Amino acid sequence: MKTCPNCHHPVATGSTFCENCGFDLRQAVQPHRLHRKSQPAKPAKQTKWLNRTVWSILTVAVVAVAALGYSFYNKQAGKEQQVANMADMIATNQSNDLAQVMVSDNPNLKITADTIQPLLTYARQHKRYTKTFQQELLNNGETRDQTFKLETAGHTLLIFPIYKLRVRTMHPVLTTNVANATLEANGSPLVTAKNNHFTYTAGPLFPGHYTFKLSGSRSQATAHVNLMKNNDVHRPISLLATGTDTGHDTTTADAATTSDDQPNANDAADQTGKAATDLSDSDQEAIDAASDAYHFDVDDNTYTVTVPANDMLEVKAYDKSSGQHEGTFRYDQVHDIVSEYNPDTNKFETDD
């Protein structure tokens, strides 16, 4: 039997009003009908779940695409590729492009295709330089000689860094004993000597290979110098001519020449071997490999190079000033391995 929802008094089936309290029994039916009509709303929960799933999938997809894009960019134009491009510009003499990716530590040096030529000359004489240059920039952000350093010069799409090379400029100190002679660097005049005990600080100069000499005078002196290292920044360069007291002409051969690549003519009798730049490209490659592996300055020594076996070069290094034997090295051209002779074991050993 039904009961009244208002007073809970029994009512007859089919009654419209409660006989006890008069409550309209039709109102009690309405919520039930409304509930039955609202049941189809359940799929809304499924729609919300589906939307969350779709958005989750889209989010993951966007992140994945961004990660792949970043990886692709790094391979195509990231730090590694930018440094490789710089090394290639040096190796292939792309002076105009190279000038665009360099900045100077001295605002008085304008970097152009002309001012960077000394570096390109040095690289042509030292075949392994671009390889070590590239590896050192990637590993340390600067070259071992502290001449070039990577720095950020903006971003692509506000995310990816654009790199340039900051170069340390050179300021060699030139000395001459010839008044009124013009001091030149790679054929360009620097200054005219005011007296016969004249000193001049050149620069800022771009790192690289230089030939300094006197011109406009009967007296002559020449110095071939590589300005590439931290301790070359204020390197003293002697352009002292001999025979100035008698006033006769002197030549480069009989001048007191200070040179990185050739011994002083007055000391020639004490020398053994030749300067690296006087040897073949393959010989220079072996010398550069030994220099990289055992950390000595190529320009400090003279060398003899022999072929003890196929694809093997043996380099003997002698101190440029004293002629003393400094070491013997072997360079495996196939495997790019350098070893040094150890007199204690009578063997060639690698520096592991």
Protein backbone atom coordinates (compact mmCIF):
# COMPACT_ATOMS: atom_id res chain seq x y z
CA MET A 1 0.00 0.00 0.00
CA LYS A 2 1.18 3.48 -0.83
CA THR A 3 1.86 6.04 1.89
CA CYS A 4 1.65 9.79 1.80
CA PRO A 5 5.12 11.32 1.45
CA ASN A 6 4.00 14.22 3.61
CA CYS A 7 2.33 12.54 6.63
CA HIS A 8 3.17 8.87 5.88
CA HIS A 9 -0.50 7.94 6.30
CA PRO A 10 -1.73 5.01 4.14
CA VAL A 11 -3.53 6.12 0.97
CA ALA A 12 -5.58 4.17 -1.50
CA THR A 13 -4.13 3.28 -4.87
CA GLY A 14 -5.14 5.82 -7.48
CA SER A 15 -5.84 8.59 -4.91
CA THR A 16 -4.93 12.10 -6.02
CA PHE A 17 -4.95 13.68 -2.57
CA CYS A 18 -4.07 12.29 0.85
CA GLU A 19 -7.27 11.59 2.78
CA ASN A 20 -5.47 12.46 6.03
CA CYS A 21 -3.56 15.70 5.26
CA GLY A 22 -4.76 16.58 1.76
CA PHE A 23 -1.25 16.48 0.21
CA ASP A 24 -1.25 16.48 -3.61
CA LEU A 25 0.08 13.02 -4.33
CA ARG A 26 0.87 13.99 -7.92
CA GLN A 27 3.87 16.02 -6.72
CA ALA A 28 5.49 12.88 -5.38
CA VAL A 29 5.57 11.37 -8.88
CA GLN A 30 7.30 14.36 -10.53
CA PRO A 31 10.87 13.82 -9.15
CA HIS A 32 10.79 10.23 -10.33
CA ARG A 33 9.82 11.30 -13.81
CA LEU A 34 12.48 13.98 -13.82
CA HIS A 35 15.07 11.47 -12.70
CA ARG A 36 14.12 9.10 -15.48
CA LYS A 37 14.37 11.86 -18.04
CA SER A 38 17.83 12.99 -16.80
CA GLN A 39 19.44 9.55 -17.16
CA PRO A 40 20.62 10.13 -20.76
CA ALA A 41 23.08 12.78 -19.40
CA LYS A 42 25.58 10.03 -18.44
CA PRO A 43 27.50 10.22 -21.76
CA ALA A 44 28.73 13.71 -20.73
CA LYS A 45 31.18 12.05 -18.34
CA GLN A 46 32.48 9.92 -21.20
CA THR A 47 32.91 13.06 -23.37
CA LYS A 48 35.00 14.80 -20.68
CA TRP A 49 37.22 11.73 -20.33
CA LEU A 50 37.63 11.55 -24.10
CA ASN A 51 38.60 15.22 -24.27
CA ARG A 52 41.24 14.79 -21.58
CA THR A 53 42.67 11.80 -23.44
CA VAL A 54 42.83 13.69 -26.73
CA TRP A 55 44.54 16.67 -25.11
CA SER A 56 47.03 14.39 -23.37
CA ILE A 57 47.91 12.73 -26.67
CA LEU A 58 48.26 16.10 -28.37
CA THR A 59 50.51 17.39 -25.57
CA VAL A 60 52.79 14.36 -25.82
CA ALA A 61 52.91 14.74 -29.60
CA VAL A 62 53.86 18.42 -29.36
CA VAL A 63 56.62 17.66 -26.84
CA ALA A 64 57.95 14.86 -29.05
CA VAL A 65 57.95 17.06 -32.14
CA ALA A 66 59.71 19.85 -30.21
CA ALA A 67 62.36 17.41 -28.95
CA LEU A 68 62.95 16.03 -32.44
CA GLY A 69 63.09 19.56 -33.84
CA TYR A 70 65.66 20.61 -31.24
CA SER A 71 67.76 17.53 -31.94
CA PHE A 72 67.57 18.12 -35.68
CA TYR A 73 68.55 21.77 -35.26
CA ASN A 74 71.54 20.85 -33.12
CA LYS A 75 72.78 18.46 -35.78
CA GLN A 76 72.19 20.88 -38.62
CA ALA A 77 73.03 24.24 -37.06
CA GLY A 78 73.84 23.75 -33.38
CA LYS A 79 77.12 24.34 -31.58
CA GLU A 80 78.89 21.33 -33.06
CA GLN A 81 77.95 22.26 -36.62
CA GLN A 82 78.74 25.96 -36.16
CA VAL A 83 82.23 25.13 -34.86
CA ALA A 84 82.75 22.68 -37.73
CA ASN A 85 81.80 25.44 -40.17
CA MET A 86 84.34 27.79 -38.58
CA ALA A 87 87.10 25.19 -38.90
CA ASP A 88 86.14 24.54 -42.51
CA MET A 89 86.26 28.27 -43.30
CA ILE A 90 89.84 28.37 -42.03
CA ALA A 91 90.87 25.21 -43.89
CA THR A 92 89.32 26.31 -47.18
CA ASN A 93 90.35 29.97 -47.00
CA GLN A 94 86.81 31.39 -46.81
CA SER A 95 88.06 34.72 -45.51
CA ASN A 96 84.87 36.75 -46.06
CA ASP A 97 82.61 34.24 -44.27
CA LEU A 98 85.15 33.73 -41.49
CA ALA A 99 85.33 37.46 -40.81
CA GLN A 100 81.58 37.49 -40.22
CA VAL A 101 81.76 35.01 -37.32
CA MET A 102 84.60 36.69 -35.43
CA VAL A 103 84.76 39.54 -32.95
CA SER A 104 87.85 41.23 -31.55
CA ASP A 105 88.86 41.83 -27.95
CA ASN A 106 90.12 45.21 -29.14
CA PRO A 107 87.73 47.66 -30.86
CA ASN A 108 90.66 49.17 -32.78
CA LEU A 109 91.01 46.03 -34.89
CA LYS A 110 88.44 45.83 -37.64
CA ILE A 111 88.04 42.21 -38.63
CA THR A 112 87.90 41.84 -42.40
CA ALA A 113 88.89 39.34 -45.06
CA ASP A 114 92.27 41.12 -45.23
CA THR A 115 93.06 41.36 -41.51
CA ILE A 116 92.51 37.62 -40.92
CA GLN A 117 94.96 36.55 -43.66
CA PRO A 118 97.83 35.91 -41.19
CA LEU A 119 95.70 33.22 -39.52
CA LEU A 120 94.93 31.57 -42.85
CA THR A 121 98.63 31.61 -43.72
CA TYR A 122 99.46 29.94 -40.41
CA ALA A 123 96.78 27.29 -41.00
CA ARG A 124 98.19 26.49 -44.44
CA GLN A 125 101.62 25.96 -42.89
CA HIS A 126 100.23 23.84 -40.02
CA LYS A 127 97.90 21.31 -41.57
CA ARG A 128 96.63 19.86 -38.30
CA TYR A 129 95.73 23.19 -36.77
CA THR A 130 92.08 23.30 -37.87
CA LYS A 131 91.49 19.81 -36.47
CA THR A 132 92.82 20.66 -33.01
CA PHE A 133 91.16 24.10 -33.20
CA GLN A 134 87.76 22.45 -33.75
CA GLN A 135 88.18 19.82 -31.04
CA GLU A 136 89.40 22.27 -28.41
CA LEU A 137 86.49 24.67 -29.02
CA LEU A 138 83.98 21.83 -28.64
CA ASN A 139 85.61 20.42 -25.51
CA ASN A 140 86.58 23.62 -23.69
CA GLY A 141 84.91 26.52 -25.46
CA GLU A 142 88.33 27.99 -26.27
CA THR A 143 91.57 26.94 -27.91
CA ARG A 144 94.45 25.66 -25.82
CA ASP A 145 96.56 28.67 -26.80
CA GLN A 146 93.75 30.92 -25.45
CA THR A 147 93.66 32.79 -28.74
CA PHE A 148 90.07 31.98 -29.74
CA LYS A 149 87.03 31.65 -27.49
CA LEU A 150 83.39 30.85 -28.25
CA GLU A 151 80.78 33.33 -27.11
CA THR A 152 77.03 33.61 -27.63
CA ALA A 153 75.99 36.39 -30.01
CA GLY A 154 72.21 36.06 -30.02
CA HIS A 155 69.64 33.30 -30.50
CA THR A 156 67.64 31.79 -33.32
CA LEU A 157 63.89 31.65 -32.56
CA LEU A 158 64.80 33.02 -29.10
CA ILE A 159 66.04 29.55 -28.14
CA PHE A 160 69.01 28.32 -30.17
CA PRO A 161 72.34 30.10 -29.50
CA ILE A 162 74.35 31.69 -32.29
CA TYR A 163 78.10 31.47 -31.68
CA LYS A 164 80.95 33.75 -32.66
CA LEU A 165 84.68 33.58 -32.03
CA ARG A 166 86.28 36.20 -29.83
CA VAL A 167 89.89 36.64 -30.89
CA ARG A 168 92.74 37.75 -28.66
CA THR A 169 94.73 40.39 -30.52
CA MET A 170 98.52 40.60 -30.63
CA HIS A 171 100.72 43.57 -29.69
CA PRO A 172 104.34 42.56 -30.45
CA VAL A 173 107.14 44.91 -29.39
CA LEU A 174 109.49 45.70 -32.29
CA THR A 175 113.01 47.00 -31.77
CA THR A 176 115.46 48.34 -34.37
CA ASN A 177 118.78 50.14 -34.47
CA VAL A 178 118.19 51.86 -37.81
CA ALA A 179 116.87 55.43 -37.72
CA ASN A 180 114.39 56.52 -40.39
CA ALA A 181 113.75 52.93 -41.52
CA THR A 182 110.15 51.87 -42.01
CA LEU A 183 108.99 48.86 -40.00
CA GLU A 184 106.63 46.62 -41.97
CA ALA A 185 104.35 43.70 -41.13
CA ASN A 186 103.47 41.40 -44.05
CA GLY A 187 104.30 44.19 -46.48
CA SER A 188 102.23 46.89 -44.76
CA PRO A 189 104.08 49.81 -43.16
CA LEU A 190 103.64 50.20 -39.41
CA VAL A 191 105.86 53.10 -38.36
CA THR A 192 109.10 54.90 -39.20
CA ALA A 193 111.92 54.59 -36.67
CA LYS A 194 112.75 57.95 -35.09
CA ASN A 195 116.23 57.00 -33.90
CA ASN A 196 118.75 54.16 -33.83
CA HIS A 197 117.44 52.70 -30.56
CA PHE A 198 113.78 52.68 -31.50
CA THR A 199 111.08 50.51 -29.89
CA TYR A 200 107.51 50.28 -31.12
CA THR A 201 104.49 48.32 -29.87
CA ALA A 202 102.55 47.18 -32.91
CA GLY A 203 98.92 46.20 -33.04
CA PRO A 204 96.31 45.31 -32.49
CA LEU A 205 97.19 42.54 -34.95
CA PHE A 206 95.18 39.45 -35.80
CA PRO A 207 96.86 36.20 -34.68
CA GLY A 208 98.82 34.31 -37.32
CA HIS A 209 102.04 34.26 -39.31
CA TYR A 210 103.93 37.53 -39.85
CA THR A 211 107.04 38.67 -41.65
CA PHE A 212 108.41 41.81 -40.02
CA LYS A 213 111.16 43.71 -41.81
CA LEU A 214 112.84 47.04 -42.38
CA SER A 215 112.31 49.01 -45.59
CA GLY A 216 113.32 52.39 -46.96
CA SER A 217 116.85 51.93 -45.69
CA ARG A 218 120.14 50.48 -46.92
CA SER A 219 120.18 48.30 -43.82
CA GLN A 220 117.95 45.26 -43.74
CA ALA A 221 116.56 42.89 -41.13
CA THR A 222 113.73 40.38 -41.29
CA ALA A 223 111.87 38.30 -38.72
CA HIS A 224 109.39 35.51 -39.50
CA VAL A 225 107.11 35.08 -36.51
CA ASN A 226 104.02 33.09 -35.55
CA LEU A 227 101.88 35.08 -33.12
CA MET A 228 99.41 32.45 -31.96
CA LYS A 229 99.72 31.89 -28.22
CA ASN A 230 98.90 33.69 -25.02
CA ASN A 231 102.55 34.51 -24.37
CA ASP A 232 102.90 35.93 -27.90
CA VAL A 233 100.64 38.90 -27.13
CA HIS A 234 103.57 41.19 -26.25
CA ARG A 235 106.32 39.18 -27.86
CA PRO A 236 109.60 41.05 -28.45
CA ILE A 237 110.65 41.15 -32.12
CA SER A 238 114.20 42.15 -32.98
CA LEU A 239 114.87 43.98 -36.24
CA LEU A 240 118.49 44.84 -35.47
CA ALA A 241 120.57 45.30 -38.61
CA THR A 242 124.28 44.53 -38.69
CA GLY A 243 126.92 46.74 -40.28
CA THR A 244 125.12 49.96 -39.48
CA ASP A 245 128.29 51.55 -38.09
CA THR A 246 130.12 51.25 -41.43
CA GLY A 247 127.06 52.22 -43.41
CA HIS A 248 127.31 49.36 -45.97
CA ASP A 249 124.28 47.49 -47.24
CA THR A 250 123.37 44.38 -45.30
CA THR A 251 121.21 41.55 -46.61
CA THR A 252 118.70 39.34 -44.91
CA ALA A 253 121.30 36.59 -44.87
CA ASP A 254 123.92 38.62 -43.01
CA ALA A 255 121.45 40.59 -40.87
CA ALA A 256 120.84 39.61 -37.27
CA THR A 257 117.49 38.03 -38.04
CA THR A 258 115.14 36.85 -35.34
CA SER A 259 112.81 34.19 -36.73
CA ASP A 260 110.36 31.61 -35.54
CA ASP A 261 110.79 29.55 -38.66
CA GLN A 262 114.52 29.96 -39.41
CA PRO A 263 117.52 30.09 -37.03
CA ASN A 264 119.50 33.26 -36.57
CA ALA A 265 122.03 33.37 -39.38
CA ASN A 266 124.85 33.92 -36.90
CA ASP A 267 123.93 30.67 -35.16
CA ALA A 268 123.50 28.62 -38.32
CA ALA A 269 126.57 26.52 -37.64
CA ASP A 270 125.06 25.34 -34.37
CA GLN A 271 121.80 24.17 -35.90
CA THR A 272 120.65 20.68 -36.86
CA GLY A 273 117.75 20.09 -39.22
CA LYS A 274 115.39 22.62 -40.74
CA ALA A 275 112.47 24.77 -39.70
CA ALA A 276 109.11 23.01 -40.01
CA THR A 277 107.96 25.42 -42.72
CA ASP A 278 110.94 24.42 -44.88
CA LEU A 279 109.81 20.79 -44.96
CA SER A 280 107.13 19.03 -47.00
CA ASP A 281 103.45 19.06 -46.09
CA SER A 282 103.55 15.45 -44.89
CA ASP A 283 106.62 16.20 -42.75
CA GLN A 284 104.87 19.23 -41.26
CA GLU A 285 101.83 17.07 -40.50
CA ALA A 286 104.04 14.67 -38.52
CA ILE A 287 105.68 17.56 -36.64
CA ASP A 288 102.31 19.11 -35.82
CA ALA A 289 101.02 15.75 -34.60
CA ALA A 290 104.00 15.38 -32.25
CA SER A 291 103.55 18.97 -31.06
CA ASP A 292 99.87 18.34 -30.27
CA ALA A 293 100.55 15.06 -28.47
CA TYR A 294 103.55 16.20 -26.41
CA HIS A 295 102.73 19.91 -25.99
CA PHE A 296 105.78 21.67 -27.40
CA ASP A 297 105.92 24.73 -29.65
CA VAL A 298 106.71 23.81 -33.26
CA ASP A 299 108.56 27.09 -33.75
CA ASP A 300 110.99 26.46 -30.89
CA ASN A 301 112.83 23.68 -32.74
CA THR A 302 114.37 22.56 -36.01
CA TYR A 303 113.68 19.08 -37.38
CA THR A 304 114.81 16.14 -39.45
CA VAL A 305 112.19 13.73 -40.79
CA THR A 306 112.89 10.21 -42.05
CA VAL A 307 110.78 7.22 -43.15
CA PRO A 308 111.66 4.13 -41.05
CA ALA A 309 108.71 2.11 -42.41
CA ASN A 310 105.76 2.40 -44.75
CA ASP A 311 103.26 5.06 -43.61
CA MET A 312 105.57 5.92 -40.71
CA LEU A 313 107.50 9.17 -40.25
CA GLU A 314 110.24 9.66 -37.67
CA VAL A 315 110.77 13.22 -36.40
CA LYS A 316 113.85 14.36 -34.53
CA ALA A 317 113.52 17.75 -32.83
CA TYR A 318 116.44 20.05 -31.94
CA ASP A 319 116.36 23.21 -29.87
CA LYS A 320 116.60 26.18 -32.23
CA SER A 321 118.97 28.15 -30.01
CA SER A 322 121.36 25.47 -28.74
CA GLY A 323 120.98 22.73 -31.34
CA GLN A 324 120.45 20.22 -28.51
CA HIS A 325 118.42 17.13 -29.34
CA GLU A 326 114.98 17.54 -27.71
CA GLY A 327 113.25 14.28 -28.63
CA THR A 328 112.49 11.67 -31.27
CA PHE A 329 108.93 10.89 -32.32
CA ARG A 330 107.20 8.55 -34.71
CA TYR A 331 103.94 9.33 -36.46
CA ASP A 332 101.72 6.53 -37.77
CA GLN A 333 100.03 8.20 -40.75
CA VAL A 334 97.39 5.49 -41.14
CA HIS A 335 96.17 5.42 -37.53
CA ASP A 336 97.10 9.01 -36.60
CA ILE A 337 99.13 7.84 -33.59
CA VAL A 338 102.22 9.56 -32.19
CA SER A 339 104.83 7.86 -30.01
CA GLU A 340 108.05 9.11 -28.41
CA TYR A 341 111.34 7.28 -28.09
CA ASN A 342 112.15 6.31 -24.50
CA PRO A 343 115.92 5.74 -24.07
CA ASP A 344 115.32 3.88 -20.81
CA THR A 345 113.30 1.14 -22.53
CA ASN A 346 114.81 1.60 -26.00
CA LYS A 347 111.23 1.69 -27.36
CA PHE A 348 108.78 4.16 -28.87
CA GLU A 349 105.92 4.65 -26.42
CA THR A 350 102.63 6.50 -26.65
CA ASP A 351 101.69 9.14 -24.11
CA ASP A 352 98.78 7.22 -22.48
